[in-house]
Amino acid sequence: MSELNAEDRLAMTRRVMGMLESWNLGAQDMIRLLQLPANVKARNIARFREEEAFPADTTVDRRVAYLLRIEDALHTYFPRNPEMRDLWVKRGNRQFGKRAPIAVMVEDGESGLISVLSHLDCTFAWDLTGSKSEYSAAAC
């Protein structure tokens, strides 16, 4: 994502902020989920809504990429019902020990993001297991 120009980074930031706000995340949880740098305080989160892009940081970029893939997967699961996308994230899920997916993502950090994404997107889980490389080697 570091190859994005300033305008595209700002648009991506706004998209992610809109998603996190629709999930009713507070500023501290947003900072924790995105693992924003220490100099970003809760009172500064508002600036990401309109005027400033997320910092160009590999950790933040990786977490944003996971969140965007989660958002895309939710659009696939619930193509006609945006309310269900937000509800699914907030509801307890048996897959996660009856914790809500948003709690898994915030509390477990990057591994939580990966768990939720793997649950929603089987191609991501398939790539993680190494099956993709095994399949490619067998096909050759």
Protein backbone atom coordinates (compact mmCIF):
# COMPACT_ATOMS: atom_id res chain seq x y z
CA MET A 1 0.00 0.00 0.00
CA SER A 2 3.00 2.24 0.28
CA GLU A 3 2.91 2.54 -3.51
CA LEU A 4 -0.43 4.38 -3.33
CA ASN A 5 -0.40 8.09 -4.01
CA ALA A 6 -1.55 10.52 -1.31
CA GLU A 7 -5.08 10.83 -2.71
CA ASP A 8 -5.58 7.04 -2.85
CA ARG A 9 -4.17 6.60 0.67
CA LEU A 10 -6.63 9.19 1.96
CA ALA A 11 -9.55 7.45 0.19
CA MET A 12 -8.46 4.10 1.65
CA THR A 13 -8.19 5.67 5.13
CA ARG A 14 -11.69 7.09 4.85
CA ARG A 15 -13.04 3.71 3.72
CA VAL A 16 -11.44 1.91 6.67
CA MET A 17 -12.55 4.58 9.15
CA GLY A 18 -16.12 4.30 7.86
CA MET A 19 -16.02 0.55 8.31
CA LEU A 20 -14.58 0.76 11.84
CA GLU A 21 -17.13 3.38 12.83
CA SER A 22 -19.97 1.24 11.47
CA TRP A 23 -18.68 -1.48 13.80
CA ASN A 24 -18.97 1.05 16.68
CA LEU A 25 -15.30 0.88 17.58
CA GLY A 26 -13.97 3.53 19.92
CA ALA A 27 -10.78 5.45 19.26
CA GLN A 28 -8.65 3.29 21.60
CA ASP A 29 -9.84 0.10 19.90
CA MET A 30 -9.10 1.59 16.47
CA ILE A 31 -5.58 2.45 17.58
CA ARG A 32 -5.11 -1.04 18.97
CA LEU A 33 -6.61 -2.80 15.95
CA LEU A 34 -4.55 -0.84 13.43
CA GLN A 35 -1.50 -0.74 15.72
CA LEU A 36 -1.04 2.92 14.97
CA PRO A 37 2.25 4.51 16.10
CA ALA A 38 2.55 5.66 19.71
CA ASN A 39 2.37 9.32 18.72
CA VAL A 40 -1.25 8.84 17.52
CA LYS A 41 -3.54 9.54 20.46
CA ALA A 42 -7.25 8.80 20.75
CA ARG A 43 -8.08 12.49 20.41
CA ASN A 44 -6.30 12.51 17.03
CA ILE A 45 -8.40 9.74 15.45
CA ALA A 46 -10.93 12.26 14.10
CA ARG A 47 -8.34 13.65 11.69
CA PHE A 48 -8.29 10.30 9.83
CA ARG A 49 -11.97 10.70 8.92
CA GLU A 50 -11.39 13.58 6.55
CA GLU A 51 -8.05 15.30 6.40
CA GLU A 52 -5.22 12.84 6.94
CA ALA A 53 -4.27 9.37 5.72
CA PHE A 54 -3.03 6.61 8.00
CA PRO A 55 0.73 6.75 8.53
CA ALA A 56 2.80 4.93 5.92
CA ASP A 57 3.88 2.07 8.16
CA THR A 58 4.23 -1.58 7.12
CA THR A 59 2.33 -2.87 10.16
CA VAL A 60 -0.54 -0.43 9.68
CA ASP A 61 -0.61 -1.16 5.94
CA ARG A 62 -0.74 -4.93 6.55
CA ARG A 63 -3.60 -4.59 9.05
CA VAL A 64 -5.50 -2.26 6.72
CA ALA A 65 -5.09 -4.84 3.95
CA TYR A 66 -6.59 -7.52 6.21
CA LEU A 67 -9.50 -5.24 7.10
CA LEU A 68 -10.20 -4.44 3.45
CA ARG A 69 -10.20 -8.15 2.60
CA ILE A 70 -12.56 -8.79 5.53
CA GLU A 71 -14.84 -6.06 4.22
CA ASP A 72 -14.79 -7.60 0.73
CA ALA A 73 -15.55 -11.04 2.15
CA LEU A 74 -18.48 -9.64 4.13
CA HIS A 75 -19.81 -8.10 0.91
CA THR A 76 -19.66 -11.56 -0.64
CA TYR A 77 -21.47 -13.16 2.33
CA PHE A 78 -24.14 -10.48 2.55
CA PRO A 79 -24.31 -8.80 -0.87
CA ARG A 80 -27.71 -7.19 -0.38
CA ASN A 81 -27.78 -6.58 3.34
CA PRO A 82 -25.22 -4.12 4.71
CA GLU A 83 -26.79 -4.28 8.19
CA MET A 84 -25.97 -7.99 8.39
CA ARG A 85 -22.31 -7.26 7.61
CA ASP A 86 -22.06 -5.06 10.67
CA LEU A 87 -24.20 -7.40 12.78
CA TRP A 88 -22.05 -10.43 11.89
CA VAL A 89 -18.93 -8.66 13.12
CA LYS A 90 -20.56 -7.72 16.44
CA ARG A 91 -22.30 -11.03 17.25
CA GLY A 92 -20.77 -13.89 19.17
CA ASN A 93 -19.57 -16.65 16.85
CA ARG A 94 -19.10 -20.31 17.72
CA GLN A 95 -15.96 -20.40 15.57
CA PHE A 96 -14.33 -17.91 17.92
CA GLY A 97 -15.44 -19.41 21.24
CA LYS A 98 -18.64 -17.34 21.23
CA ARG A 99 -16.63 -14.12 21.03
CA ALA A 100 -17.65 -11.52 18.48
CA PRO A 101 -15.30 -11.32 15.46
CA ILE A 102 -14.57 -7.67 16.27
CA ALA A 103 -13.46 -8.70 19.77
CA VAL A 104 -11.19 -11.35 18.26
CA MET A 105 -9.64 -8.78 15.94
CA VAL A 106 -9.10 -6.13 18.63
CA GLU A 107 -8.01 -8.43 21.46
CA ASP A 108 -5.89 -10.90 19.48
CA GLY A 109 -4.26 -8.37 17.16
CA GLU A 110 -2.89 -9.57 13.86
CA SER A 111 -3.60 -13.22 14.60
CA GLY A 112 -7.22 -12.25 15.29
CA LEU A 113 -7.45 -10.43 11.96
CA ILE A 114 -6.02 -13.51 10.24
CA SER A 115 -8.48 -15.80 12.06
CA VAL A 116 -11.49 -13.74 11.04
CA LEU A 117 -10.27 -13.37 7.47
CA SER A 118 -9.55 -17.11 7.24
CA HIS A 119 -13.07 -17.86 8.47
CA LEU A 120 -14.65 -15.54 5.90
CA ASP A 121 -12.37 -16.14 2.92
CA CYS A 122 -11.48 -19.77 2.26
CA THR A 123 -8.98 -18.76 -0.44
CA PHE A 124 -7.00 -16.81 2.14
CA ALA A 125 -7.02 -19.82 4.48
CA TRP A 126 -6.00 -22.07 1.59
CA ASP A 127 -3.05 -19.80 0.79
CA LEU A 128 -2.00 -19.81 4.46
CA THR A 129 -1.84 -23.58 4.67
CA GLY A 130 0.63 -23.77 1.82
CA SER A 131 -1.85 -25.68 -0.30
CA LYS A 132 -1.44 -23.17 -3.08
CA SER A 133 2.27 -23.86 -3.40
CA GLU A 134 1.74 -27.62 -3.06
CA TYR A 135 -0.94 -27.50 -5.73
CA SER A 136 1.28 -25.45 -8.05
CA ALA A 137 4.16 -27.88 -7.61
CA ALA A 138 1.92 -30.88 -8.30
CA ALA A 139 0.48 -29.25 -11.42
CA CYS A 140 3.92 -28.77 -12.97
